[in-house]
Amino acid sequence: MHRSSRRPLVAATVLATLTFGTLMAPPATARVAERAATTLSATLAPSGDPNGSGHAMVTLNRSRQKVCATIHWTGIEEPDFAHIHKKSDGSIAVDLTGAVTGGARCTRGVSRRTITRILERPRRYYVNVHNSTYPAGAIQGTLHR
């Protein structure tokens, strides 16, 4: 075999390795994006307390199974609980109580599935802040980007 006849074979092997190797490994930007956190917000309006208002910033990190919240309120009694609820049935999706009681503002161990669903359709969820006067909720607001 002549030296020149081996070149096309070597070139084809290198090209195939580069092509398939690139297709099999996710791009670096995809790996970084998967680890990245996404922040959603909600403007909180009266749901029970007619004088209440506020704002919530919720950061969701799927790879770390963590949801953190910063919640500000005014015109309501001191909150006892806060949650992200599903609009469809009012069930609690994520407990955010620490964000309003002075505890941990992050909830760990939230399922990736729950976080993915919230991120895919944030307007199907709302933040609800509860207190003893309005146990069903003093203020609430729909999540959005």
Protein backbone atom coordinates (compact mmCIF):
# COMPACT_ATOMS: atom_id res chain seq x y z
CA MET A 1 0.00 0.00 0.00
CA HIS A 2 1.31 3.36 -0.95
CA ARG A 3 1.58 6.09 1.58
CA SER A 4 -0.89 8.28 -0.34
CA SER A 5 -3.62 5.59 -0.19
CA ARG A 6 -3.54 5.63 3.64
CA ARG A 7 -4.24 9.36 3.89
CA PRO A 8 -7.93 9.19 2.88
CA LEU A 9 -8.51 6.42 5.44
CA VAL A 10 -6.79 8.39 8.22
CA ALA A 11 -8.63 11.56 7.26
CA ALA A 12 -12.00 9.73 7.26
CA THR A 13 -11.26 8.22 10.69
CA VAL A 14 -10.33 11.59 12.17
CA LEU A 15 -13.41 13.23 10.65
CA ALA A 16 -15.71 10.49 11.99
CA THR A 17 -14.19 10.73 15.47
CA LEU A 18 -14.60 14.49 15.57
CA THR A 19 -18.15 14.37 14.22
CA PHE A 20 -19.49 11.58 16.42
CA GLY A 21 -17.50 12.67 19.46
CA THR A 22 -19.08 16.13 19.17
CA LEU A 23 -22.57 14.68 18.78
CA MET A 24 -22.26 12.36 21.76
CA ALA A 25 -20.95 14.88 24.29
CA PRO A 26 -23.29 17.72 25.25
CA PRO A 27 -21.88 21.15 24.51
CA ALA A 28 -20.25 22.92 27.43
CA THR A 29 -22.91 25.63 27.32
CA ALA A 30 -25.67 23.01 27.80
CA ARG A 31 -23.90 21.58 30.85
CA VAL A 32 -23.53 25.08 32.33
CA ALA A 33 -27.17 25.94 31.57
CA GLU A 34 -28.34 22.76 33.30
CA ARG A 35 -26.55 23.83 36.49
CA ALA A 36 -27.70 27.44 36.23
CA ALA A 37 -30.47 28.81 38.36
CA THR A 38 -33.49 30.64 36.96
CA THR A 39 -35.22 33.47 38.79
CA LEU A 40 -38.96 34.07 38.56
CA SER A 41 -40.94 36.79 40.27
CA ALA A 42 -44.45 37.49 41.51
CA THR A 43 -46.19 40.73 42.44
CA LEU A 44 -48.19 39.94 45.57
CA ALA A 45 -51.67 41.45 45.85
CA PRO A 46 -54.46 41.02 48.39
CA SER A 47 -55.99 37.57 48.46
CA GLY A 48 -57.37 37.90 51.98
CA ASP A 49 -55.97 41.05 53.55
CA PRO A 50 -57.27 44.07 51.57
CA ASN A 51 -54.33 46.20 52.76
CA GLY A 52 -51.58 43.78 51.77
CA SER A 53 -49.06 43.85 48.98
CA GLY A 54 -45.57 42.58 48.30
CA HIS A 55 -43.11 41.03 45.93
CA ALA A 56 -41.45 37.62 45.67
CA MET A 57 -38.27 36.61 43.85
CA VAL A 58 -37.95 32.83 43.51
CA THR A 59 -34.77 31.18 42.25
CA LEU A 60 -35.04 27.59 41.07
CA ASN A 61 -32.02 25.33 40.54
CA ARG A 62 -32.99 21.99 39.06
CA SER A 63 -29.57 20.31 39.22
CA ARG A 64 -29.20 21.16 42.92
CA GLN A 65 -32.89 20.47 43.67
CA LYS A 66 -33.07 23.80 45.45
CA VAL A 67 -35.60 26.64 45.47
CA CYS A 68 -34.74 29.92 47.20
CA ALA A 69 -37.02 32.89 47.81
CA THR A 70 -36.84 36.48 48.90
CA ILE A 71 -40.27 37.77 49.86
CA HIS A 72 -41.16 41.32 50.86
CA TRP A 73 -44.56 42.35 52.19
CA THR A 74 -46.35 45.35 53.59
CA GLY A 75 -49.77 46.00 55.11
CA ILE A 76 -50.22 42.52 56.58
CA GLU A 77 -49.56 40.91 59.95
CA GLU A 78 -46.35 38.91 60.36
CA PRO A 79 -46.48 35.87 58.04
CA ASP A 80 -46.51 32.31 59.41
CA PHE A 81 -46.12 30.42 56.13
CA ALA A 82 -45.37 30.90 52.43
CA HIS A 83 -45.67 28.44 49.57
CA ILE A 84 -45.68 28.00 45.84
CA HIS A 85 -49.09 26.54 44.99
CA LYS A 86 -50.44 24.96 41.83
CA LYS A 87 -53.23 27.05 40.35
CA SER A 88 -55.07 23.97 39.14
CA ASP A 89 -55.88 22.56 42.57
CA GLY A 90 -54.25 24.85 45.15
CA SER A 91 -51.90 22.12 46.33
CA ILE A 92 -48.50 23.09 47.73
CA ALA A 93 -45.67 22.55 45.24
CA VAL A 94 -42.82 24.10 47.30
CA ASP A 95 -42.65 25.24 50.93
CA LEU A 96 -41.08 28.72 51.24
CA THR A 97 -41.89 29.29 54.92
CA GLY A 98 -38.33 30.07 55.96
CA ALA A 99 -38.31 33.04 53.57
CA VAL A 100 -40.98 34.81 55.65
CA THR A 101 -40.21 33.57 59.16
CA GLY A 102 -36.51 34.36 59.30
CA GLY A 103 -35.45 30.75 58.76
CA ALA A 104 -33.65 29.28 55.79
CA ARG A 105 -34.73 31.05 52.64
CA CYS A 106 -33.90 27.99 50.53
CA THR A 107 -35.77 24.71 50.35
CA ARG A 108 -33.61 21.74 49.42
CA GLY A 109 -34.69 18.38 48.09
CA VAL A 110 -37.35 19.74 45.72
CA SER A 111 -37.82 17.17 42.96
CA ARG A 112 -36.33 17.98 39.57
CA ARG A 113 -39.71 17.17 38.07
CA THR A 114 -41.45 19.82 40.19
CA ILE A 115 -38.82 22.44 39.36
CA THR A 116 -39.00 21.59 35.65
CA ARG A 117 -42.79 21.92 35.64
CA ILE A 118 -42.63 25.31 37.36
CA LEU A 119 -39.96 26.56 34.95
CA GLU A 120 -41.83 25.30 31.88
CA ARG A 121 -45.11 26.97 32.85
CA PRO A 122 -44.56 29.45 35.69
CA ARG A 123 -47.99 31.08 35.27
CA ARG A 124 -49.58 27.83 36.44
CA TYR A 125 -48.15 28.53 39.91
CA TYR A 126 -48.51 31.27 42.50
CA VAL A 127 -46.76 32.40 45.67
CA ASN A 128 -49.09 32.63 48.67
CA VAL A 129 -48.16 34.29 51.98
CA HIS A 130 -50.25 33.18 54.98
CA ASN A 131 -50.67 34.59 58.49
CA SER A 132 -52.85 33.85 61.52
CA THR A 133 -55.54 36.35 60.48
CA TYR A 134 -55.66 35.01 56.91
CA PRO A 135 -54.62 31.34 57.13
CA ALA A 136 -55.78 30.70 53.55
CA GLY A 137 -53.52 33.53 52.39
CA ALA A 138 -53.12 37.24 53.02
CA ILE A 139 -51.38 38.06 49.72
CA GLN A 140 -50.54 36.10 46.60
CA GLY A 141 -49.23 36.49 43.08
CA THR A 142 -48.67 34.46 39.93
CA LEU A 143 -45.11 33.52 39.04
CA HIS A 144 -43.65 34.88 35.81
CA ARG A 145 -40.30 35.37 34.08
